[in-house]
Protein backbone atom coordinates (compact mmCIF):
# COMPACT_ATOMS: atom_id res chain seq x y z
CA MET A 1 -34.50 25.79 23.33
CA SER A 2 -37.07 22.97 23.33
CA ALA A 3 -36.38 19.47 22.08
CA ARG A 4 -39.13 19.94 19.50
CA ARG A 5 -37.43 23.04 18.10
CA HIS A 6 -34.09 21.21 17.96
CA THR A 7 -35.77 18.44 16.01
CA ILE A 8 -37.31 20.90 13.55
CA ILE A 9 -33.93 22.57 13.02
CA ALA A 10 -32.27 19.19 12.48
CA LEU A 11 -34.86 18.06 9.94
CA THR A 12 -34.67 21.38 8.12
CA THR A 13 -30.88 21.09 7.95
CA ILE A 14 -31.05 17.57 6.53
CA ILE A 15 -33.62 18.56 3.91
CA ALA A 16 -31.54 21.57 2.86
CA LEU A 17 -28.36 19.54 2.63
CA THR A 18 -30.15 16.83 0.67
CA GLY A 19 -31.11 19.45 -1.88
CA MET A 20 -27.56 20.76 -1.95
CA PHE A 21 -26.21 17.29 -2.74
CA SER A 22 -28.77 16.88 -5.51
CA VAL A 23 -27.66 20.14 -7.12
CA ARG A 24 -23.99 19.31 -6.64
CA ARG A 25 -24.42 15.95 -8.34
CA VAL A 26 -25.92 17.67 -11.38
CA VAL A 27 -22.84 19.87 -11.81
CA ALA A 28 -20.22 17.37 -10.67
CA ASP A 29 -19.33 13.96 -11.97
CA SER A 30 -17.12 13.10 -9.03
CA SER A 31 -16.15 14.43 -5.68
CA GLY A 32 -13.06 12.24 -5.40
CA ALA A 33 -11.43 12.35 -8.81
CA SER A 34 -7.90 12.36 -7.41
CA MET A 35 -4.95 10.90 -9.33
CA THR A 36 -1.50 10.60 -7.79
CA ARG A 37 1.91 9.16 -8.65
CA ALA A 38 4.71 8.67 -6.19
CA ASP A 39 7.46 9.75 -8.58
CA GLY A 40 5.80 13.04 -9.53
CA SER A 41 6.53 12.47 -13.21
CA SER A 42 6.67 15.75 -15.13
CA THR A 43 4.38 14.31 -17.79
CA GLN A 44 1.59 13.91 -15.25
CA ILE A 45 -0.49 16.50 -13.44
CA SER A 46 0.36 14.50 -10.32
CA ALA A 47 3.71 16.28 -10.23
CA LEU A 48 1.75 18.80 -8.18
CA THR A 49 -1.53 17.14 -7.23
CA ARG A 50 0.04 14.20 -5.44
CA TRP A 51 0.48 16.61 -2.51
CA LEU A 52 -3.10 17.84 -2.47
CA ALA A 53 -6.44 16.03 -2.55
CA THR A 54 -10.05 17.10 -2.11
CA GLY A 55 -12.99 14.86 -1.27
CA GLU A 56 -16.68 15.65 -1.18
CA GLN A 57 -16.26 18.05 1.72
CA HIS A 58 -12.72 17.56 3.02
CA THR A 59 -9.18 18.48 1.99
CA CYS A 60 -5.80 16.85 2.64
CA VAL A 61 -2.34 18.29 2.09
CA VAL A 62 1.09 16.65 2.23
CA LEU A 63 3.55 19.03 3.89
CA ASP A 64 7.22 19.59 3.13
CA ASP A 65 8.24 17.28 5.97
CA GLY A 66 6.17 14.38 4.63
CA THR A 67 3.40 14.75 7.19
CA LEU A 68 -0.28 14.90 6.25
CA LYS A 69 -2.84 17.42 7.45
CA CYS A 70 -6.53 17.18 6.63
CA PHE A 71 -9.47 19.45 7.39
CA GLY A 72 -13.14 19.84 6.57
CA SER A 73 -16.07 17.51 7.11
CA ASN A 74 -15.27 14.51 9.26
CA SER A 75 -18.51 12.56 9.66
CA ALA A 76 -16.81 9.26 8.77
CA GLY A 77 -13.31 9.98 10.05
CA GLN A 78 -12.11 10.96 6.59
CA ILE A 79 -9.67 13.58 7.90
CA GLY A 80 -8.06 11.00 10.17
CA SER A 81 -8.15 13.12 13.33
CA GLY A 82 -9.33 10.30 15.55
CA GLY A 83 -12.72 11.92 16.01
CA THR A 84 -15.69 13.13 14.02
CA LEU A 85 -15.56 16.88 14.58
CA THR A 86 -15.27 19.11 11.54
CA LEU A 87 -12.00 21.04 11.51
CA GLY A 88 -11.25 24.29 9.72
CA ASP A 89 -14.61 25.94 10.26
CA GLY A 90 -13.73 27.67 13.50
CA ALA A 91 -11.13 30.03 14.88
CA GLY A 92 -7.99 28.41 16.23
CA GLU A 93 -8.40 25.10 14.41
CA MET A 94 -5.82 25.53 11.68
CA GLY A 95 -2.09 26.24 11.67
CA ASP A 96 -0.09 24.63 14.46
CA ALA A 97 -3.35 23.67 16.16
CA LEU A 98 -4.18 21.28 13.32
CA ALA A 99 -2.48 18.01 14.19
CA ALA A 100 -0.82 15.85 11.54
CA VAL A 101 -2.61 12.62 10.71
CA ARG A 102 -1.07 9.70 12.58
CA LEU A 103 -0.10 7.04 10.04
CA GLY A 104 2.40 4.95 11.96
CA THR A 105 5.78 5.32 13.63
CA GLY A 106 8.37 6.78 11.27
CA ARG A 107 6.04 6.83 8.30
CA THR A 108 5.91 9.76 5.87
CA VAL A 109 3.56 10.41 2.98
CA ARG A 110 4.51 10.28 -0.68
CA ALA A 111 1.04 10.92 -2.09
CA VAL A 112 -2.56 11.40 -1.00
CA SER A 113 -5.86 10.74 -2.77
CA ALA A 114 -9.36 11.53 -1.50
CA GLY A 115 -12.69 9.93 -2.27
CA ALA A 116 -16.09 11.28 -1.30
CA LEU A 117 -15.87 10.10 2.30
CA HIS A 118 -12.50 8.37 2.51
CA THR A 119 -8.82 9.16 2.11
CA CYS A 120 -5.90 6.97 1.03
CA VAL A 121 -2.19 7.64 1.29
CA LEU A 122 0.88 6.18 -0.37
CA LEU A 123 3.59 5.98 2.28
CA ASP A 124 7.38 6.14 2.07
CA ASP A 125 7.63 2.34 2.25
CA ALA A 126 5.27 2.07 -0.77
CA SER A 127 2.44 0.73 1.37
CA VAL A 128 -1.12 2.10 1.23
CA LYS A 129 -3.30 3.09 4.16
CA CYS A 130 -6.91 4.26 3.92
CA PHE A 131 -9.27 5.81 6.45
CA GLY A 132 -12.78 7.26 6.61
CA GLU A 133 -16.04 5.67 5.48
CA GLY A 134 -15.65 1.92 5.22
CA SER A 135 -18.85 0.81 3.52
CA LYS A 136 -18.53 -1.31 0.37
CA GLY A 137 -14.89 -2.07 1.21
CA ARG A 138 -13.45 1.19 -0.11
CA LEU A 139 -10.73 1.11 2.60
CA GLY A 140 -9.60 -2.38 1.57
CA SER A 141 -9.66 -3.53 5.19
CA GLY A 142 -11.69 -6.69 4.68
CA ALA A 143 -14.58 -5.12 6.59
CA GLU A 144 -16.98 -2.18 6.35
CA ASP A 145 -16.04 -0.41 9.56
CA ASP A 146 -15.18 3.28 9.43
CA LEU A 147 -11.56 3.98 10.33
CA GLY A 148 -10.36 7.31 11.67
CA ARG A 149 -13.36 8.11 13.84
CA SER A 150 -11.37 6.99 16.89
CA SER A 151 -7.71 7.57 17.74
CA ALA A 152 -7.48 3.83 18.43
CA THR A 153 -7.89 3.14 14.71
CA MET A 154 -5.08 5.42 13.51
CA GLY A 155 -1.28 5.33 13.77
CA ASN A 156 0.23 1.85 13.98
CA ALA A 157 -3.26 0.43 14.49
CA LEU A 158 -4.21 1.46 10.94
CA LEU A 159 -3.02 -1.48 8.90
CA PRO A 160 -1.71 -1.23 5.33
CA VAL A 161 -3.96 -2.45 2.53
CA ASP A 162 -3.02 -5.99 1.54
CA LEU A 163 -2.05 -5.73 -2.14
CA GLY A 164 -0.70 -9.26 -2.45
CA ALA A 165 2.49 -11.11 -1.56
CA GLY A 166 5.51 -8.92 -2.24
CA ARG A 167 3.45 -6.22 -3.94
CA THR A 168 3.69 -2.50 -3.25
CA ALA A 169 2.02 0.53 -4.80
CA VAL A 170 3.42 3.28 -7.01
CA SER A 171 0.25 5.36 -7.48
CA LEU A 172 -3.32 5.72 -6.24
CA ALA A 173 -6.70 6.87 -7.47
CA THR A 174 -9.84 7.20 -5.36
CA GLY A 175 -13.36 7.46 -6.70
CA GLY A 176 -16.58 8.18 -4.89
CA ALA A 177 -16.49 4.89 -2.99
CA HIS A 178 -13.74 2.86 -4.61
CA THR A 179 -9.95 2.87 -4.72
CA CYS A 180 -7.44 1.72 -7.34
CA ALA A 181 -3.68 1.37 -7.31
CA VAL A 182 -0.93 0.82 -9.85
CA LEU A 183 1.41 -1.72 -8.30
CA ASP A 184 5.19 -2.05 -8.53
CA ASP A 185 4.83 -4.62 -11.32
CA ALA A 186 2.62 -2.18 -13.31
CA SER A 187 -0.50 -4.23 -12.65
CA VAL A 188 -3.72 -2.57 -11.45
CA LYS A 189 -5.92 -3.57 -8.54
CA CYS A 190 -9.18 -1.95 -7.46
CA TRP A 191 -11.42 -2.43 -4.45
CA GLY A 192 -14.55 -0.93 -2.91
CA ASP A 193 -17.96 -0.27 -4.41
CA ASN A 194 -18.56 -1.92 -7.76
CA GLY A 195 -22.21 -1.28 -8.54
CA ASP A 196 -21.39 -0.05 -12.04
CA GLY A 197 -18.35 -2.21 -12.75
CA GLN A 198 -15.90 0.53 -11.74
CA LEU A 199 -13.50 -2.09 -10.37
CA GLY A 200 -13.20 -3.63 -13.84
CA LEU A 201 -13.62 -7.21 -12.66
CA GLY A 202 -16.51 -8.29 -14.88
CA ASP A 203 -19.18 -8.18 -12.18
CA THR A 204 -20.83 -5.79 -9.73
CA ALA A 205 -19.70 -7.33 -6.44
CA ALA A 206 -17.85 -5.06 -4.02
CA ARG A 207 -14.34 -6.07 -2.98
CA GLY A 208 -12.53 -5.42 0.27
CA ASP A 209 -15.63 -5.45 2.46
CA ALA A 210 -15.22 -9.01 3.74
CA PRO A 211 -12.31 -11.25 4.82
CA GLY A 212 -10.44 -13.09 2.09
CA GLU A 213 -11.11 -10.57 -0.69
CA MET A 214 -7.84 -8.64 -0.66
CA GLY A 215 -4.21 -9.66 -1.17
CA ASP A 216 -3.58 -12.39 -3.71
CA ALA A 217 -7.33 -13.08 -3.79
CA LEU A 218 -7.99 -9.68 -5.36
CA ALA A 219 -7.82 -10.11 -9.12
CA ILE A 220 -5.71 -7.86 -11.34
CA VAL A 221 -7.70 -5.60 -13.65
CA ASP A 222 -7.28 -6.89 -17.21
CA LEU A 223 -6.70 -3.88 -19.44
CA GLY A 224 -5.52 -5.74 -22.51
CA TRP A 225 -2.63 -3.42 -23.35
CA PRO A 226 -0.41 -4.59 -26.25
CA SER A 227 2.82 -6.40 -25.47
CA GLY A 228 5.38 -4.08 -23.91
CA VAL A 229 2.77 -1.50 -22.91
CA THR A 230 1.97 -0.97 -19.22
CA THR A 231 -0.33 1.18 -17.12
CA ARG A 232 1.25 4.54 -16.35
CA SER A 233 -1.48 6.22 -14.31
CA LEU A 234 -5.06 6.00 -13.10
CA ALA A 235 -7.92 8.41 -12.48
CA ALA A 236 -11.23 7.67 -10.78
CA GLY A 237 -14.57 9.41 -10.95
CA ASP A 238 -17.57 8.80 -8.76
CA VAL A 239 -18.51 5.49 -10.41
CA HIS A 240 -15.97 5.05 -13.19
CA THR A 241 -12.23 4.57 -13.61
CA CYS A 242 -9.75 5.38 -16.38
CA ALA A 243 -6.21 4.21 -17.05
CA MET A 244 -3.49 5.71 -19.23
CA SER A 245 -0.87 3.46 -20.76
CA SER A 246 2.84 4.04 -21.30
CA ALA A 247 1.96 4.53 -24.97
CA GLY A 248 -0.48 7.34 -24.18
CA SER A 249 -3.64 5.32 -24.76
CA VAL A 250 -6.65 5.68 -22.46
CA LYS A 251 -9.25 3.09 -21.44
CA CYS A 252 -12.23 3.71 -19.17
CA TRP A 253 -14.72 1.43 -17.45
CA GLY A 254 -17.61 1.62 -14.98
CA SER A 255 -20.77 3.67 -15.43
CA GLY A 256 -21.21 4.89 -18.99
CA ALA A 257 -23.86 7.49 -18.17
CA ASN A 258 -23.32 10.89 -19.81
CA GLY A 259 -20.56 9.47 -22.02
CA ARG A 260 -17.95 9.53 -19.27
CA LEU A 261 -16.22 6.47 -20.74
CA GLY A 262 -15.75 8.15 -24.11
CA SER A 263 -17.19 5.09 -25.81
CA GLY A 264 -19.76 6.83 -27.97
CA ASP A 265 -22.65 5.46 -25.93
CA GLU A 266 -23.90 5.31 -22.34
CA VAL A 267 -23.34 1.60 -21.76
CA SER A 268 -21.50 0.61 -18.59
CA ARG A 269 -18.42 -1.55 -19.03
CA GLY A 270 -16.60 -3.82 -16.64
CA ASP A 271 -19.78 -4.96 -14.91
CA GLU A 272 -20.19 -8.13 -16.97
CA PRO A 273 -17.82 -10.88 -18.16
CA GLY A 274 -16.02 -10.32 -21.46
CA GLU A 275 -16.02 -6.53 -21.31
CA MET A 276 -12.45 -5.92 -20.14
CA GLY A 277 -9.08 -6.82 -21.65
CA ALA A 278 -8.83 -6.55 -25.41
CA SER A 279 -12.63 -6.11 -25.55
CA LEU A 280 -12.35 -2.75 -23.81
CA ALA A 281 -11.78 -0.22 -26.56
CA VAL A 282 -9.22 2.56 -26.39
CA VAL A 283 -10.77 6.03 -26.11
CA SER A 284 -10.46 7.84 -29.44
CA LEU A 285 -8.62 11.12 -28.87
CA GLY A 286 -8.13 12.10 -32.49
CA THR A 287 -5.86 11.10 -35.37
CA GLY A 288 -2.28 10.84 -34.20
CA ARG A 289 -3.16 12.07 -30.72
CA HIS A 290 -2.16 10.43 -27.45
CA ALA A 291 -2.61 11.33 -23.80
CA VAL A 292 0.06 12.84 -21.55
CA ALA A 293 -2.11 13.48 -18.49
CA LEU A 294 -5.22 11.93 -17.02
CA THR A 295 -7.74 12.99 -14.40
CA ALA A 296 -11.45 12.70 -13.74
CA CYS A 297 -13.37 15.96 -14.10
CA THR A 298 -15.18 17.66 -11.26
CA VAL A 299 -16.61 20.74 -12.98
CA VAL A 300 -19.28 20.43 -15.64
CA GLU A 301 -17.90 23.11 -17.92
CA GLN A 302 -14.58 21.24 -18.09
CA CYS A 303 -16.06 17.79 -18.68
CA ALA A 304 -17.00 16.84 -22.22
CA GLY A 305 -19.01 13.91 -20.89
CA VAL A 306 -21.48 15.84 -18.73
CA ARG A 307 -24.30 17.55 -20.55
CA THR A 308 -26.04 20.51 -18.96
CA SER A 309 -29.32 20.40 -20.83
CA GLY A 310 -32.11 17.94 -21.45
CA THR A 311 -32.70 14.70 -19.60
CA HIS A 312 -29.02 13.76 -19.62
CA ARG A 313 -28.27 16.59 -17.24
CA HIS A 314 -30.19 14.79 -14.51
CA ARG A 315 -29.12 11.27 -15.31
CA ARG A 316 -27.72 9.48 -12.26
CA SER A 317 -26.76 5.86 -11.83
CA ALA A 318 -28.19 3.83 -8.98
CA THR A 319 -24.75 3.73 -7.40
CA ALA A 320 -24.29 7.49 -7.54
CA GLU A 321 -27.73 7.89 -5.99
CA ARG A 322 -26.72 5.52 -3.21
CA HIS A 323 -23.54 7.52 -2.59
CA ARG A 324 -25.63 10.65 -2.19
CA ASN A 325 -27.92 8.88 0.23
CA GLU A 326 -24.92 7.66 2.23
CA ARG A 327 -23.69 11.22 2.62
CA VAL A 328 -27.12 12.42 3.68
CA ALA A 329 -27.32 9.58 6.20
CA HIS A 330 -23.97 10.61 7.66
CA LEU A 331 -25.15 14.19 7.99
CA ALA A 332 -28.35 12.98 9.63
CA ARG A 333 -26.32 11.14 12.25
CA VAL A 334 -24.17 14.20 12.87
CA VAL A 335 -27.22 16.44 13.28
CA ALA A 336 -28.88 13.87 15.54
CA ASN A 337 -25.82 13.83 17.78
CA VAL A 338 -25.92 17.61 18.02
CA VAL A 339 -29.62 17.54 18.91
CA ASN A 340 -29.16 14.82 21.51
CA SER A 341 -26.28 16.73 23.12
CA ALA A 342 -28.31 19.93 23.27
CA VAL A 343 -31.41 18.23 24.68
CA THR A 344 -29.54 16.33 27.36
């Protein structure tokens, strides 16, 4: 097959996949949308979902022995195999042939959460490790390097996310390109992309993509709960985040497009000073009603905030558009590698 024909096939593939992502984004608010709790509380859907997480095009499962296996697309190392080959699409790749993700000597997994192109795990020592696409600091590594594309970046070499002196995590939530955690003191910290204020820090600057941004330097998200009320769980969409309190109240911040914040408008919140804390209104769920479970929707028909007609159906924030472009760019690199290998 000629190099020219390989190039045509590659370009055709990229164009087709670009269209697929455009359609998918119309019918899906978030590809990550995972919410997990380490204790598997019976009042949370995480009692089951903490063992299973799906990203844009990859899946991770915690097994009965506390190991983690992931399969699917692997363009950014998001399945943690130490390479970039897709797994699960060919004969002989699953079952015993599918190796467990190396997360460090003696470490087991309590919970897993998957973003569009990255994966985070809560380990048995209450530490957090993330791998996959590193852009915008979503891995909390203090850099933007992908982790998991090489075996040298996994296992003991994959360092825990610095949550602050003495702090550990009790639950995780991953969005399209950001990650949030409820810590052992019931505080909330978020890092990664912040183009729509989804980190809840009163600006749009990413966190975790440069040295000195994590640990004690990473500010706690101010949710303004009443005295005695704490954050029970988190859920993250593509470019927004929601928290549920111990009293069953829900607050959401980030992109307000399509009403995903439940605020009665499409205004983003958390991207400017003065919008968090007591200023961030509780989502109205009805007279006398309170929440017992929280997640971010992935299917249009199940999401009250995503309209399927009119101009709102095609509304997309600049950040969501950038996430789509990132995925297309990754696919372009994968296809280019295939073409180069075939030509040479």
